[in-house]
């Protein structure tokens, strides 16, 4: 059983996936200048904790230069198999986000 297959609070393992909207707000962000070796060619890059509209928080990368401010509205662009969630800034009339 993988670590993510068990609730970290109660220990239950009968979990089911649920689709949630991929839009939210930046809670905190930082720019990585000295990354792990496997990401050395990608530095500098920015990671953020995003509070999704569903109330969950997740960590992911911010793409481009936008969204690097507290409270910035971001949406899930894609989930990279090696890097995890990739978020981009949302413009006011942009289409709704992909789901996680």
Protein backbone atom coordinates (compact mmCIF):
# COMPACT_ATOMS: atom_id res chain seq x y z
CA UNK A 1 0.00 0.00 0.00
CA UNK A 2 1.40 3.40 -0.98
CA UNK A 3 1.76 6.15 1.61
CA UNK A 4 -1.01 8.20 -0.07
CA UNK A 5 -3.45 5.27 0.11
CA UNK A 6 -4.00 5.74 3.85
CA UNK A 7 -5.54 8.68 5.69
CA UNK A 8 -2.71 10.35 7.64
CA UNK A 9 -5.12 11.33 10.43
CA UNK A 10 -7.32 8.29 11.09
CA UNK A 11 -5.41 5.52 9.27
CA UNK A 12 -8.36 4.38 7.14
CA UNK A 13 -7.43 2.64 3.91
CA UNK A 14 -10.87 2.39 2.25
CA UNK A 15 -10.35 5.68 0.42
CA UNK A 16 -11.94 6.62 -2.89
CA UNK A 17 -10.71 9.21 -5.39
CA UNK A 18 -12.80 12.36 -5.81
CA UNK A 19 -12.51 14.90 -8.58
CA UNK A 20 -12.07 18.48 -7.39
CA UNK A 21 -11.72 21.78 -9.21
CA UNK A 22 -8.14 22.83 -9.87
CA UNK A 23 -8.53 26.54 -9.07
CA UNK A 24 -7.41 28.23 -5.90
CA UNK A 25 -5.30 30.90 -4.22
CA UNK A 26 -1.58 31.05 -3.49
CA UNK A 27 -1.00 30.75 0.27
CA UNK A 28 2.80 30.96 0.16
CA UNK A 29 5.46 30.68 -2.54
CA UNK A 30 9.22 30.48 -2.89
CA UNK A 31 11.69 30.48 -5.76
CA UNK A 32 14.18 27.61 -5.81
CA UNK A 33 17.67 28.70 -6.88
CA UNK A 34 19.62 25.66 -5.63
CA UNK A 35 17.48 22.65 -6.59
CA UNK A 36 17.98 18.90 -6.20
CA UNK A 37 20.40 17.55 -8.83
CA UNK A 38 17.66 16.14 -11.08
CA UNK A 39 16.08 19.59 -11.46
CA UNK A 40 19.33 21.58 -11.76
CA UNK A 41 18.69 22.54 -15.40
CA UNK A 42 15.28 24.00 -14.49
CA UNK A 43 16.42 26.49 -11.81
CA UNK A 44 15.30 28.96 -10.87
CA UNK A 45 11.68 27.79 -10.56
CA UNK A 46 8.84 28.70 -8.21
CA UNK A 47 6.81 26.38 -5.99
CA UNK A 48 3.71 27.35 -4.05
CA UNK A 49 1.19 26.05 -1.57
CA UNK A 50 -2.22 26.53 -3.19
CA UNK A 51 -5.49 26.42 -1.28
CA UNK A 52 -7.97 24.94 -3.73
CA UNK A 53 -11.59 26.10 -3.83
CA UNK A 54 -12.57 22.79 -2.20
CA UNK A 55 -10.56 23.81 0.88
CA UNK A 56 -7.68 21.39 0.33
CA UNK A 57 -4.09 22.58 0.10
CA UNK A 58 -1.50 21.20 -2.29
CA UNK A 59 2.01 22.07 -3.32
CA UNK A 60 2.89 22.62 -6.95
CA UNK A 61 4.96 24.68 -9.33
CA UNK A 62 3.93 28.06 -10.66
CA UNK A 63 4.52 28.35 -14.40
CA UNK A 64 5.65 31.61 -15.96
CA UNK A 65 6.16 34.75 -13.90
CA UNK A 66 2.56 35.37 -12.84
CA UNK A 67 0.99 34.21 -9.58
CA UNK A 68 3.98 35.10 -7.43
CA UNK A 69 2.00 37.01 -4.84
CA UNK A 70 -0.01 35.96 -1.83
CA UNK A 71 -3.64 35.43 -2.69
CA UNK A 72 -3.00 35.21 -6.46
CA UNK A 73 -5.74 33.29 -8.27
CA UNK A 74 -4.24 30.24 -10.00
CA UNK A 75 -5.49 27.15 -11.79
CA UNK A 76 -4.13 23.71 -12.47
CA UNK A 77 -2.53 23.64 -15.91
CA UNK A 78 -1.51 19.97 -15.80
CA UNK A 79 -0.08 17.31 -13.51
CA UNK A 80 3.47 16.44 -14.52
CA UNK A 81 4.36 12.83 -13.61
CA UNK A 82 7.79 13.89 -12.29
CA UNK A 83 7.06 17.36 -10.92
CA UNK A 84 3.48 17.13 -9.71
CA UNK A 85 0.84 19.86 -10.10
CA UNK A 86 1.75 22.76 -12.41
CA UNK A 87 -0.27 25.94 -11.76
CA UNK A 88 -0.69 29.09 -13.85
CA UNK A 89 -2.17 32.49 -13.03
CA UNK A 90 -5.84 32.93 -13.92
CA UNK A 91 -6.93 35.90 -15.95
CA UNK A 92 -10.39 37.27 -15.21
CA UNK A 93 -12.13 35.82 -18.28
CA UNK A 94 -10.08 32.60 -18.64
CA UNK A 95 -11.91 29.26 -19.06
CA UNK A 96 -12.49 27.02 -16.02
CA UNK A 97 -9.68 24.77 -14.82
CA UNK A 98 -8.88 21.13 -15.30
CA UNK A 99 -9.72 18.87 -12.33
CA UNK A 100 -7.28 17.03 -10.08
